[in-house]
Amino acid sequence: MPVSSLIIVTFNSAEHIGACLASVNDPDWERIVVDNASRDATLARARRVADVRVLANSENRGFAAAANQGARTARGELLLFLNPDVVAEPGALAALRAVVAPEGVAAAGGRLLNLDGSTQAGFAVRCLPTLATMLAEILLLNRLLPGNPWNRRYRCLDFDYERAAEVEQPAGACLLVKRSAWEAAGGFDEGFFPLWFEDVDLCRRLRAGGGKIVYEPRARFRHAGAHSLASVGPGERQLFWYRNLLRYFRKHHGASAVAVLRVAIFFGMLLRIAAAVLGAGEDAGVRDYAQVIRRCVFGFGE
């Protein structure tokens, strides 16, 4: 059987990398860890595992660049990009590989589970973002009325996770891509730095190239979640997410959509500032939201 390649991008992932690598110890799969200059014991723990190729970067290149780096060195005809806080259940790799065998299928995602075994509904599968769905997100409509039609569509809240189906965007935490489709699409766009929307952008380009993306419920993976955010402060999270959102819309929806988003971000940040002042906001604070306005709305410091 041809070798398939598993690519894990790490950054301060010492807590998770051992269990992740142990769960994907399959002779038909080569395992590649690309480390983005971790400051903890990630490299040491990955290097202790037999038959794992470790690529150590001297700086944090971001997820997209590190994933491309791993894919370029991989030998497999299939490329599985897996987050380090994901653990594959028995049979998951085989199920995922089988579902991409048909002609015309470019990529696939599995069933992501919380540590208690429940499905990560609203995250494991989503639709590609539209201007309407992002306006609902930015202007806090999804927080106030999570069952609104735009949010239901974007997060696939009515999706049947028990059945295989063609989907628009499986979560990048577990994404299998045929090498031929990955190369035709040009891989991940490294401009989405350091994270967010690089997987969304790739899925959109795979579908634009005529490839189908499928969801396979028999491919079960436990996902701790939020690992990639542990080393990112709340202000940076806001800035990276909005900046990459604008990049995505600039690529795929044009200048007029970006202009509408900038206006929405301005008012959305004002709403968040008001919530922060009242003590009802997120982890980010007034200065964090003001920075988003300054850099993403008015373009200062970009």
C-alpha atoms as a PDB file:
ATOM      1  CA  MET A   1       0.000   0.000   0.000  1.00  0.00           C
ATOM      2  CA  PRO A   2       1.390   3.461  -0.858  1.00  0.00           C
ATOM      3  CA  VAL A   3       2.676   5.484   2.073  1.00  0.00           C
ATOM      4  CA  SER A   4       0.523   8.307   3.377  1.00  0.00           C
ATOM      5  CA  SER A   5       1.955  11.249   5.298  1.00  0.00           C
ATOM      6  CA  LEU A   6       0.829  12.753   8.556  1.00  0.00           C
ATOM      7  CA  ILE A   7       1.978  16.332   9.241  1.00  0.00           C
ATOM      8  CA  ILE A   8       1.745  17.846  12.714  1.00  0.00           C
ATOM      9  CA  VAL A   9       2.669  21.496  13.267  1.00  0.00           C
ATOM     10  CA  THR A  10       3.690  22.146  16.866  1.00  0.00           C
ATOM     11  CA  PHE A  11       4.275  25.186  19.031  1.00  0.00           C
ATOM     12  CA  ASN A  12       4.665  24.629  22.767  1.00  0.00           C
ATOM     13  CA  SER A  13       2.813  21.332  22.380  1.00  0.00           C
ATOM     14  CA  ALA A  14       4.695  19.221  24.934  1.00  0.00           C
ATOM     15  CA  GLU A  15       1.510  18.402  26.840  1.00  0.00           C
ATOM     16  CA  HIS A  16      -0.132  16.785  23.808  1.00  0.00           C
ATOM     17  CA  ILE A  17       2.442  15.609  21.261  1.00  0.00           C
ATOM     18  CA  GLY A  18       3.205  12.235  22.870  1.00  0.00           C
ATOM     19  CA  ALA A  19      -0.401  11.033  22.905  1.00  0.00           C
ATOM     20  CA  CYS A  20      -0.997  12.379  19.407  1.00  0.00           C
ATOM     21  CA  LEU A  21       1.991  10.537  17.912  1.00  0.00           C
ATOM     22  CA  ALA A  22       1.175   7.318  19.764  1.00  0.00           C
ATOM     23  CA  SER A  23      -2.364   7.316  18.365  1.00  0.00           C
ATOM     24  CA  VAL A  24      -1.124   7.521  14.746  1.00  0.00           C
ATOM     25  CA  ASN A  25       1.595   4.869  14.938  1.00  0.00           C
ATOM     26  CA  ASP A  26       0.701   3.046  11.720  1.00  0.00           C
ATOM     27  CA  PRO A  27       3.298   1.523   9.348  1.00  0.00           C
ATOM     28  CA  ASP A  28       1.362   2.799   6.336  1.00  0.00           C
ATOM     29  CA  TRP A  29       1.766   6.390   7.523  1.00  0.00           C
ATOM     30  CA  GLU A  30       4.947   8.404   7.887  1.00  0.00           C
ATOM     31  CA  ARG A  31       4.861  10.906  10.747  1.00  0.00           C
ATOM     32  CA  ILE A  32       6.351  14.376  10.355  1.00  0.00           C
ATOM     33  CA  VAL A  33       6.488  16.982  13.119  1.00  0.00           C
ATOM     34  CA  VAL A  34       7.247  20.569  12.115  1.00  0.00           C
ATOM     35  CA  ASP A  35       8.040  22.594  15.207  1.00  0.00           C
ATOM     36  CA  ASN A  36       7.688  26.377  15.176  1.00  0.00           C
ATOM     37  CA  ALA A  37      10.402  27.211  17.731  1.00  0.00           C
ATOM     38  CA  SER A  38       8.702  25.792  20.806  1.00  0.00           C
ATOM     39  CA  ARG A  39      10.022  27.012  24.122  1.00  0.00           C
ATOM     40  CA  ASP A  40       8.950  23.927  26.077  1.00  0.00           C
ATOM     41  CA  ALA A  41       9.818  20.215  25.806  1.00  0.00           C
ATOM     42  CA  THR A  42       7.951  19.607  22.537  1.00  0.00           C
ATOM     43  CA  LEU A  43      11.061  18.883  20.468  1.00  0.00           C
ATOM     44  CA  ALA A  44      12.590  16.559  23.042  1.00  0.00           C
ATOM     45  CA  ARG A  45       9.382  14.552  23.387  1.00  0.00           C
ATOM     46  CA  ALA A  46       8.828  14.296  19.630  1.00  0.00           C
ATOM     47  CA  ARG A  47      12.417  13.181  19.056  1.00  0.00           C
ATOM     48  CA  ARG A  48      12.057  10.421  21.623  1.00  0.00           C
ATOM     49  CA  VAL A  49       9.378   8.737  19.488  1.00  0.00           C
ATOM     50  CA  ALA A  50      10.777   6.228  17.013  1.00  0.00           C
ATOM     51  CA  ASP A  51      10.186   6.683  13.273  1.00  0.00           C
ATOM     52  CA  VAL A  52       9.136  10.309  13.547  1.00  0.00           C
ATOM     53  CA  ARG A  53      10.821  12.900  11.362  1.00  0.00           C
ATOM     54  CA  VAL A  54      11.203  16.207  13.217  1.00  0.00           C
ATOM     55  CA  LEU A  55      11.791  19.524  11.439  1.00  0.00           C
ATOM     56  CA  ALA A  56      12.822  22.230  13.895  1.00  0.00           C
ATOM     57  CA  ASN A  57      12.336  25.843  12.855  1.00  0.00           C
ATOM     58  CA  SER A  58      14.390  28.585  14.496  1.00  0.00           C
ATOM     59  CA  GLU A  59      11.383  30.924  14.519  1.00  0.00           C
ATOM     60  CA  ASN A  60       7.609  30.672  14.525  1.00  0.00           C
ATOM     61  CA  ARG A  61       6.763  30.616  10.827  1.00  0.00           C
ATOM     62  CA  GLY A  62       3.019  30.296  11.405  1.00  0.00           C
ATOM     63  CA  PHE A  63       0.828  27.299  10.735  1.00  0.00           C
ATOM     64  CA  ALA A  64       0.507  27.658   6.955  1.00  0.00           C
ATOM     65  CA  ALA A  65       4.238  27.955   6.269  1.00  0.00           C
ATOM     66  CA  ALA A  66       5.089  25.073   8.610  1.00  0.00           C
ATOM     67  CA  ALA A  67       2.370  22.865   7.108  1.00  0.00           C
ATOM     68  CA  ASN A  68       3.675  23.584   3.603  1.00  0.00           C
ATOM     69  CA  GLN A  69       7.192  22.813   4.821  1.00  0.00           C
ATOM     70  CA  GLY A  70       6.057  19.429   6.090  1.00  0.00           C
ATOM     71  CA  ALA A  71       4.125  18.655   2.929  1.00  0.00           C
ATOM     72  CA  ARG A  72       7.123  19.437   0.725  1.00  0.00           C
ATOM     73  CA  THR A  73       9.253  16.900   2.568  1.00  0.00           C
ATOM     74  CA  ALA A  74       6.524  14.255   2.765  1.00  0.00           C
ATOM     75  CA  ARG A  75       6.578  11.150   0.576  1.00  0.00           C
ATOM     76  CA  GLY A  76       2.896  10.323   0.737  1.00  0.00           C
ATOM     77  CA  GLU A  77       0.221  10.565  -1.905  1.00  0.00           C
ATOM     78  CA  LEU A  78      -2.135  11.634   0.886  1.00  0.00           C
ATOM     79  CA  LEU A  79      -1.359  14.473   3.313  1.00  0.00           C
ATOM     80  CA  LEU A  80      -3.107  14.504   6.668  1.00  0.00           C
ATOM     81  CA  PHE A  81      -2.704  17.778   8.568  1.00  0.00           C
ATOM     82  CA  LEU A  82      -3.404  17.058  12.231  1.00  0.00           C
ATOM     83  CA  ASN A  83      -3.261  19.344  15.243  1.00  0.00           C
ATOM     84  CA  PRO A  84      -1.015  18.129  18.072  1.00  0.00           C
ATOM     85  CA  ASP A  85      -3.922  18.110  20.540  1.00  0.00           C
ATOM     86  CA  VAL A  86      -5.787  15.520  18.443  1.00  0.00           C
ATOM     87  CA  VAL A  87      -5.792  11.795  19.235  1.00  0.00           C
ATOM     88  CA  ALA A  88      -6.950   9.322  16.599  1.00  0.00           C
ATOM     89  CA  GLU A  89      -9.280   6.533  17.684  1.00  0.00           C
ATOM     90  CA  PRO A  90      -8.661   3.005  16.303  1.00  0.00           C
ATOM     91  CA  GLY A  91      -9.547   2.756  12.613  1.00  0.00           C
ATOM     92  CA  ALA A  92      -9.754   6.519  12.104  1.00  0.00           C
ATOM     93  CA  LEU A  93      -6.829   6.757   9.674  1.00  0.00           C
ATOM     94  CA  ALA A  94      -8.089   3.862   7.544  1.00  0.00           C
ATOM     95  CA  ALA A  95     -11.604   5.293   7.401  1.00  0.00           C
ATOM     96  CA  LEU A  96     -10.338   8.711   6.384  1.00  0.00           C
ATOM     97  CA  ARG A  97      -8.066   7.269   3.705  1.00  0.00           C
ATOM     98  CA  ALA A  98     -10.853   5.125   2.244  1.00  0.00           C
ATOM     99  CA  VAL A  99     -13.245   8.027   1.814  1.00  0.00           C
ATOM    100  CA  VAL A 100     -10.871   9.959  -0.476  1.00  0.00           C
ATOM    101  CA  ALA A 101     -10.266   6.983  -2.780  1.00  0.00           C
ATOM    102  CA  PRO A 102     -12.967   7.899  -5.353  1.00  0.00           C
ATOM    103  CA  GLU A 103     -12.027  10.075  -8.304  1.00  0.00           C
ATOM    104  CA  GLY A 104     -13.029  13.684  -7.794  1.00  0.00           C
ATOM    105  CA  VAL A 105     -12.653  13.701  -4.006  1.00  0.00           C
ATOM    106  CA  ALA A 106      -9.909  16.171  -3.093  1.00  0.00           C
ATOM    107  CA  ALA A 107     -10.049  16.192   0.705  1.00  0.00           C
ATOM    108  CA  ALA A 108     -11.803  14.856   3.772  1.00  0.00           C
ATOM    109  CA  GLY A 109     -12.343  15.552   7.440  1.00  0.00           C
ATOM    110  CA  GLY A 110     -13.267  13.273  10.302  1.00  0.00           C
ATOM    111  CA  ARG A 111     -15.547  13.447  13.304  1.00  0.00           C
ATOM    112  CA  LEU A 112     -13.935  15.618  15.952  1.00  0.00           C
ATOM    113  CA  LEU A 113     -14.931  14.727  19.491  1.00  0.00           C
ATOM    114  CA  ASN A 114     -14.600  16.505  22.809  1.00  0.00           C
ATOM    115  CA  LEU A 115     -12.710  14.644  25.514  1.00  0.00           C
ATOM    116  CA  ASP A 116     -16.045  13.415  26.911  1.00  0.00           C
ATOM    117  CA  GLY A 117     -16.904  11.823  23.554  1.00  0.00           C
ATOM    118  CA  SER A 118     -19.462  14.382  22.394  1.00  0.00           C
ATOM    119  CA  THR A 119     -19.186  15.746  18.867  1.00  0.00           C
ATOM    120  CA  GLN A 120     -17.674  19.193  18.399  1.00  0.00           C
ATOM    121  CA  ALA A 121     -20.790  20.446  16.634  1.00  0.00           C
ATOM    122  CA  GLY A 122     -20.448  23.887  15.098  1.00  0.00           C
ATOM    123  CA  PHE A 123     -16.688  23.419  14.733  1.00  0.00           C
ATOM    124  CA  ALA A 124     -15.962  20.080  13.041  1.00  0.00           C
ATOM    125  CA  VAL A 125     -17.850  21.112   9.892  1.00  0.00           C
ATOM    126  CA  ARG A 126     -18.729  24.599   8.698  1.00  0.00           C
ATOM    127  CA  CYS A 127     -19.821  26.333   5.532  1.00  0.00           C
ATOM    128  CA  LEU A 128     -17.501  28.773   3.831  1.00  0.00           C
ATOM    129  CA  PRO A 129     -17.996  32.274   5.250  1.00  0.00           C
ATOM    130  CA  THR A 130     -20.168  34.757   3.413  1.00  0.00           C
ATOM    131  CA  LEU A 131     -20.561  38.469   4.001  1.00  0.00           C
ATOM    132  CA  ALA A 132     -23.880  37.891   5.805  1.00  0.00           C
ATOM    133  CA  THR A 133     -22.519  35.187   8.118  1.00  0.00           C
ATOM    134  CA  MET A 134     -19.487  37.284   9.026  1.00  0.00           C
ATOM    135  CA  LEU A 135     -21.585  40.375   9.697  1.00  0.00           C
ATOM    136  CA  ALA A 136     -23.645  38.304  12.133  1.00  0.00           C
ATOM    137  CA  GLU A 137     -20.413  37.203  13.813  1.00  0.00           C
ATOM    138  CA  ILE A 138     -18.784  40.631  13.978  1.00  0.00           C
ATOM    139  CA  LEU A 139     -21.871  42.485  15.200  1.00  0.00           C
ATOM    140  CA  LEU A 140     -22.501  39.992  18.034  1.00  0.00           C
ATOM    141  CA  LEU A 141     -25.799  38.726  16.610  1.00  0.00           C
ATOM    142  CA  ASN A 142     -24.505  35.174  16.974  1.00  0.00           C
ATOM    143  CA  ARG A 143     -23.871  35.770  20.684  1.00  0.00           C
ATOM    144  CA  LEU A 144     -27.295  37.274  21.318  1.00  0.00           C
ATOM    145  CA  LEU A 145     -29.278  34.928  19.030  1.00  0.00           C
ATOM    146  CA  PRO A 146     -27.135  31.861  18.267  1.00  0.00           C
ATOM    147  CA  GLY A 147     -30.036  30.176  16.481  1.00  0.00           C
ATOM    148  CA  ASN A 148     -30.320  32.880  13.824  1.00  0.00           C
ATOM    149  CA  PRO A 149     -30.405  31.552  10.232  1.00  0.00           C
ATOM    150  CA  TRP A 150     -27.002  32.935   9.266  1.00  0.00           C
ATOM    151  CA  ASN A 151     -25.293  31.281  12.211  1.00  0.00           C
ATOM    152  CA  ARG A 152     -27.187  28.030  11.687  1.00  0.00           C
ATOM    153  CA  ARG A 153     -25.927  27.902   8.120  1.00  0.00           C
ATOM    154  CA  TYR A 154     -22.342  28.972   8.838  1.00  0.00           C
ATOM    155  CA  ARG A 155     -21.798  26.585  11.743  1.00  0.00           C
ATOM    156  CA  CYS A 156     -23.931  23.816  10.159  1.00  0.00           C
ATOM    157  CA  LEU A 157     -25.996  23.567  13.335  1.00  0.00           C
ATOM    158  CA  ASP A 158     -28.506  21.256  11.602  1.00  0.00           C
ATOM    159  CA  PHE A 159     -25.806  18.943  10.225  1.00  0.00           C
ATOM    160  CA  ASP A 160     -26.223  15.184  10.764  1.00  0.00           C
ATOM    161  CA  TYR A 161     -22.876  14.041  12.138  1.00  0.00           C
ATOM    162  CA  GLU A 162     -23.913  10.383  11.898  1.00  0.00           C
ATOM    163  CA  ARG A 163     -23.852  10.358   8.096  1.00  0.00           C
ATOM    164  CA  ALA A 164     -21.107  10.856   5.527  1.00  0.00           C
ATOM    165  CA  ALA A 165     -21.683  13.906   3.361  1.00  0.00           C
ATOM    166  CA  GLU A 166     -20.043  16.357   1.018  1.00  0.00           C
ATOM    167  CA  VAL A 167     -19.169  19.514   2.956  1.00  0.00           C
ATOM    168  CA  GLU A 168     -17.614  22.906   2.313  1.00  0.00           C
ATOM    169  CA  GLN A 169     -15.056  23.129   5.098  1.00  0.00           C
ATOM    170  CA  PRO A 170     -13.991  20.526   7.649  1.00  0.00           C
ATOM    171  CA  ALA A 171     -11.958  21.910  10.529  1.00  0.00           C
ATOM    172  CA  GLY A 172      -8.270  22.286   9.782  1.00  0.00           C
ATOM    173  CA  ALA A 173      -7.507  20.413  13.026  1.00  0.00           C
ATOM    174  CA  CYS A 174      -7.927  17.218  11.000  1.00  0.00           C
ATOM    175  CA  LEU A 175      -7.786  17.673   7.239  1.00  0.00           C
ATOM    176  CA  LEU A 176      -6.729  15.018   4.727  1.00  0.00           C
ATOM    177  CA  VAL A 177      -5.809  16.289   1.247  1.00  0.00           C
ATOM    178  CA  LYS A 178      -4.725  14.387  -1.841  1.00  0.00           C
ATOM    179  CA  ARG A 179      -1.255  15.511  -2.836  1.00  0.00           C
ATOM    180  CA  SER A 180      -2.352  16.145  -6.432  1.00  0.00           C
ATOM    181  CA  ALA A 181      -5.160  18.437  -5.245  1.00  0.00           C
ATOM    182  CA  TRP A 182      -2.882  20.143  -2.710  1.00  0.00           C
ATOM    183  CA  GLU A 183      -0.259  20.865  -5.376  1.00  0.00           C
ATOM    184  CA  ALA A 184      -2.863  22.056  -7.904  1.00  0.00           C
ATOM    185  CA  ALA A 185      -4.230  24.495  -5.311  1.00  0.00           C
ATOM    186  CA  GLY A 186      -0.736  25.702  -4.406  1.00  0.00           C
ATOM    187  CA  GLY A 187      -0.853  24.540  -0.787  1.00  0.00           C
ATOM    188  CA  PHE A 188      -1.674  26.800   2.129  1.00  0.00           C
ATOM    189  CA  ASP A 189      -1.461  30.554   1.643  1.00  0.00           C
ATOM    190  CA  GLU A 190       1.351  31.598   3.997  1.00  0.00           C
ATOM    191  CA  GLY A 191      -0.004  35.141   4.116  1.00  0.00           C
ATOM    192  CA  PHE A 192      -2.512  33.936   6.711  1.00  0.00           C
ATOM    193  CA  PHE A 193      -0.117  34.420   9.607  1.00  0.00           C
ATOM    194  CA  PRO A 194       0.204  33.015  12.203  1.00  0.00           C
ATOM    195  CA  LEU A 195      -3.139  31.194  12.156  1.00  0.00           C
ATOM    196  CA  TRP A 196      -6.814  31.408  11.168  1.00  0.00           C
ATOM    197  CA  PHE A 197      -8.503  31.188   7.775  1.00  0.00           C
ATOM    198  CA  GLU A 198      -5.622  29.337   6.060  1.00  0.00           C
ATOM    199  CA  ASP A 199      -7.694  26.123   6.138  1.00  0.00           C
ATOM    200  CA  VAL A 200     -10.847  27.947   5.015  1.00  0.00           C
ATOM    201  CA  ASP A 201      -8.957  29.482   2.103  1.00  0.00           C
ATOM    202  CA  LEU A 202      -7.484  26.123   1.063  1.00  0.00           C
ATOM    203  CA  CYS A 203     -10.882  24.407   1.129  1.00  0.00           C
ATOM    204  CA  ARG A 204     -12.370  27.162  -1.002  1.00  0.00           C
ATOM    205  CA  ARG A 205      -9.585  26.783  -3.584  1.00  0.00           C
ATOM    206  CA  LEU A 206      -9.899  22.977  -3.585  1.00  0.00           C
ATOM    207  CA  ARG A 207     -13.609  23.271  -4.332  1.00  0.00           C
ATOM    208  CA  ALA A 208     -13.022  25.973  -6.942  1.00  0.00           C
ATOM    209  CA  GLY A 209     -10.684  23.526  -8.679  1.00  0.00           C
ATOM    210  CA  GLY A 210     -13.503  20.999  -8.970  1.00  0.00           C
ATOM    211  CA  GLY A 211     -12.599  18.804  -6.010  1.00  0.00           C
ATOM    212  CA  LYS A 212     -15.126  17.466  -3.541  1.00  0.00           C
ATOM    213  CA  ILE A 213     -14.565  17.621   0.206  1.00  0.00           C
ATOM    214  CA  VAL A 214     -16.261  14.955   2.306  1.00  0.00           C
ATOM    215  CA  TYR A 215     -16.991  14.306   5.962  1.00  0.00           C
ATOM    216  CA  GLU A 216     -16.527  10.759   7.277  1.00  0.00           C
ATOM    217  CA  PRO A 217     -18.151   9.982  10.671  1.00  0.00           C
ATOM    218  CA  ARG A 218     -16.269   6.672  11.098  1.00  0.00           C
ATOM    219  CA  ALA A 219     -12.974   8.600  11.239  1.00  0.00           C
ATOM    220  CA  ARG A 220     -13.132   9.605  14.897  1.00  0.00           C
ATOM    221  CA  PHE A 221     -10.589  11.900  16.516  1.00  0.00           C
ATOM    222  CA  ARG A 222     -10.567  13.292  20.054  1.00  0.00           C
ATOM    223  CA  HIS A 223      -9.662  16.964  20.061  1.00  0.00           C
ATOM    224  CA  ALA A 224      -8.706  18.835  23.226  1.00  0.00           C
ATOM    225  CA  GLY A 225      -9.276  22.165  21.477  1.00  0.00           C
ATOM    226  CA  ALA A 226      -7.887  25.686  21.877  1.00  0.00           C
ATOM    227  CA  HIS A 227      -4.297  24.386  22.056  1.00  0.00           C
ATOM    228  CA  SER A 228      -3.139  26.781  19.318  1.00  0.00           C
ATOM    229  CA  LEU A 229      -4.515  29.706  21.346  1.00  0.00           C
ATOM    230  CA  ALA A 230      -2.729  28.870  24.590  1.00  0.00           C
ATOM    231  CA  SER A 231       0.355  30.888  23.637  1.00  0.00           C
ATOM    232  CA  VAL A 232      -1.578  33.767  22.057  1.00  0.00           C
ATOM    233  CA  GLY A 233      -2.798  36.634  24.202  1.00  0.00           C
ATOM    234  CA  PRO A 234      -6.425  37.809  23.933  1.00  0.00           C
ATOM    235  CA  GLY A 235      -5.443  41.002  22.121  1.00  0.00           C
ATOM    236  CA  GLU A 236      -3.401  39.098  19.551  1.00  0.00           C
ATOM    237  CA  ARG A 237      -6.264  36.655  19.023  1.00  0.00           C
ATOM    238  CA  GLN A 238      -8.571  39.504  18.098  1.00  0.00           C
ATOM    239  CA  LEU A 239      -6.023  41.119  15.802  1.00  0.00           C
ATOM    240  CA  PHE A 240      -4.977  37.912  13.998  1.00  0.00           C
ATOM    241  CA  TRP A 241      -8.577  36.771  13.463  1.00  0.00           C
ATOM    242  CA  TYR A 242      -9.844  40.058  12.023  1.00  0.00           C
ATOM    243  CA  ARG A 243      -6.730  40.682   9.958  1.00  0.00           C
ATOM    244  CA  ASN A 244      -6.933  37.239   8.349  1.00  0.00           C
ATOM    245  CA  LEU A 245     -10.687  37.571   7.874  1.00  0.00           C
ATOM    246  CA  LEU A 246     -10.048  40.707   5.807  1.00  0.00           C
ATOM    247  CA  ARG A 247      -7.342  38.914   3.834  1.00  0.00           C
ATOM    248  CA  TYR A 248      -9.743  36.064   3.040  1.00  0.00           C
ATOM    249  CA  PHE A 249     -12.467  38.433   1.845  1.00  0.00           C
ATOM    250  CA  ARG A 250      -9.984  40.510  -0.125  1.00  0.00           C
ATOM    251  CA  LYS A 251      -8.970  37.355  -2.010  1.00  0.00           C
ATOM    252  CA  HIS A 252     -12.397  35.897  -2.612  1.00  0.00           C
ATOM    253  CA  HIS A 253     -15.040  38.628  -2.331  1.00  0.00           C
ATOM    254  CA  GLY A 254     -13.403  41.849  -3.478  1.00  0.00           C
ATOM    255  CA  ALA A 255     -12.901  45.401  -2.276  1.00  0.00           C
ATOM    256  CA  SER A 256     -16.558  46.291  -1.716  1.00  0.00           C
ATOM    257  CA  ALA A 257     -17.076  43.363   0.690  1.00  0.00           C
ATOM    258  CA  VAL A 258     -13.897  44.322   2.556  1.00  0.00           C
ATOM    259  CA  ALA A 259     -15.153  47.901   2.882  1.00  0.00           C
ATOM    260  CA  VAL A 260     -18.430  46.669   4.395  1.00  0.00           C
ATOM    261  CA  LEU A 261     -16.508  44.441   6.796  1.00  0.00           C
ATOM    262  CA  ARG A 262     -14.299  47.322   7.928  1.00  0.00           C
ATOM    263  CA  VAL A 263     -17.387  49.362   8.835  1.00  0.00           C
ATOM    264  CA  ALA A 264     -18.878  46.365  10.645  1.00  0.00           C
ATOM    265  CA  ILE A 265     -15.627  45.743  12.539  1.00  0.00           C
ATOM    266  CA  PHE A 266     -15.617  49.372  13.691  1.00  0.00           C
ATOM    267  CA  PHE A 267     -19.108  49.095  15.171  1.00  0.00           C
ATOM    268  CA  GLY A 268     -18.485  45.561  16.421  1.00  0.00           C
ATOM    269  CA  MET A 269     -15.438  46.732  18.350  1.00  0.00           C
ATOM    270  CA  LEU A 270     -17.438  49.616  19.840  1.00  0.00           C
ATOM    271  CA  LEU A 271     -19.991  47.065  21.078  1.00  0.00           C
ATOM    272  CA  ARG A 272     -17.198  44.969  22.595  1.00  0.00           C
ATOM    273  CA  ILE A 273     -15.628  48.022  24.211  1.00  0.00           C
ATOM    274  CA  ALA A 274     -18.965  48.864  25.810  1.00  0.00           C
ATOM    275  CA  ALA A 275     -19.309  45.277  27.050  1.00  0.00           C
ATOM    276  CA  ALA A 276     -15.761  45.351  28.450  1.00  0.00           C
ATOM    277  CA  VAL A 277     -16.446  48.590  30.315  1.00  0.00           C
ATOM    278  CA  LEU A 278     -19.561  47.010  31.817  1.00  0.00           C
ATOM    279  CA  GLY A 279     -17.608  43.911  32.765  1.00  0.00           C
ATOM    280  CA  ALA A 280     -19.524  41.662  30.373  1.00  0.00           C
ATOM    281  CA  GLY A 281     -16.896  41.262  27.670  1.00  0.00           C
ATOM    282  CA  GLU A 282     -14.492  38.535  26.610  1.00  0.00           C
ATOM    283  CA  ASP A 283     -10.917  38.110  27.852  1.00  0.00           C
ATOM    284  CA  ALA A 284      -9.793  40.966  25.615  1.00  0.00           C
ATOM    285  CA  GLY A 285      -9.936  44.516  26.922  1.00  0.00           C
ATOM    286  CA  VAL A 286     -10.634  48.018  25.681  1.00  0.00           C
ATOM    287  CA  ARG A 287      -7.070  48.547  24.426  1.00  0.00           C
ATOM    288  CA  ASP A 288      -7.207  45.266  22.482  1.00  0.00           C
ATOM    289  CA  TYR A 289     -10.397  46.258  20.678  1.00  0.00           C
ATOM    290  CA  ALA A 290      -9.025  49.741  20.030  1.00  0.00           C
ATOM    291  CA  GLN A 291      -5.990  48.150  18.405  1.00  0.00           C
ATOM    292  CA  VAL A 292      -8.240  46.172  16.061  1.00  0.00           C
ATOM    293  CA  ILE A 293      -9.959  49.419  15.044  1.00  0.00           C
ATOM    294  CA  ARG A 294      -6.636  51.162  14.508  1.00  0.00           C
ATOM    295  CA  ARG A 295      -5.015  48.377  12.478  1.00  0.00           C
ATOM    296  CA  CYS A 296      -7.893  46.547  10.749  1.00  0.00           C
ATOM    297  CA  VAL A 297     -10.302  49.428  10.139  1.00  0.00           C
ATOM    298  CA  PHE A 298      -7.944  52.341   9.540  1.00  0.00           C
ATOM    299  CA  GLY A 299      -4.860  50.369   8.561  1.00  0.00           C
ATOM    300  CA  PHE A 300      -2.406  52.006  10.966  1.00  0.00           C
ATOM    301  CA  GLY A 301       0.629  49.892  11.719  1.00  0.00           C
ATOM    302  CA  GLU A 302      -0.012  47.394   8.931  1.00  0.00           C
END
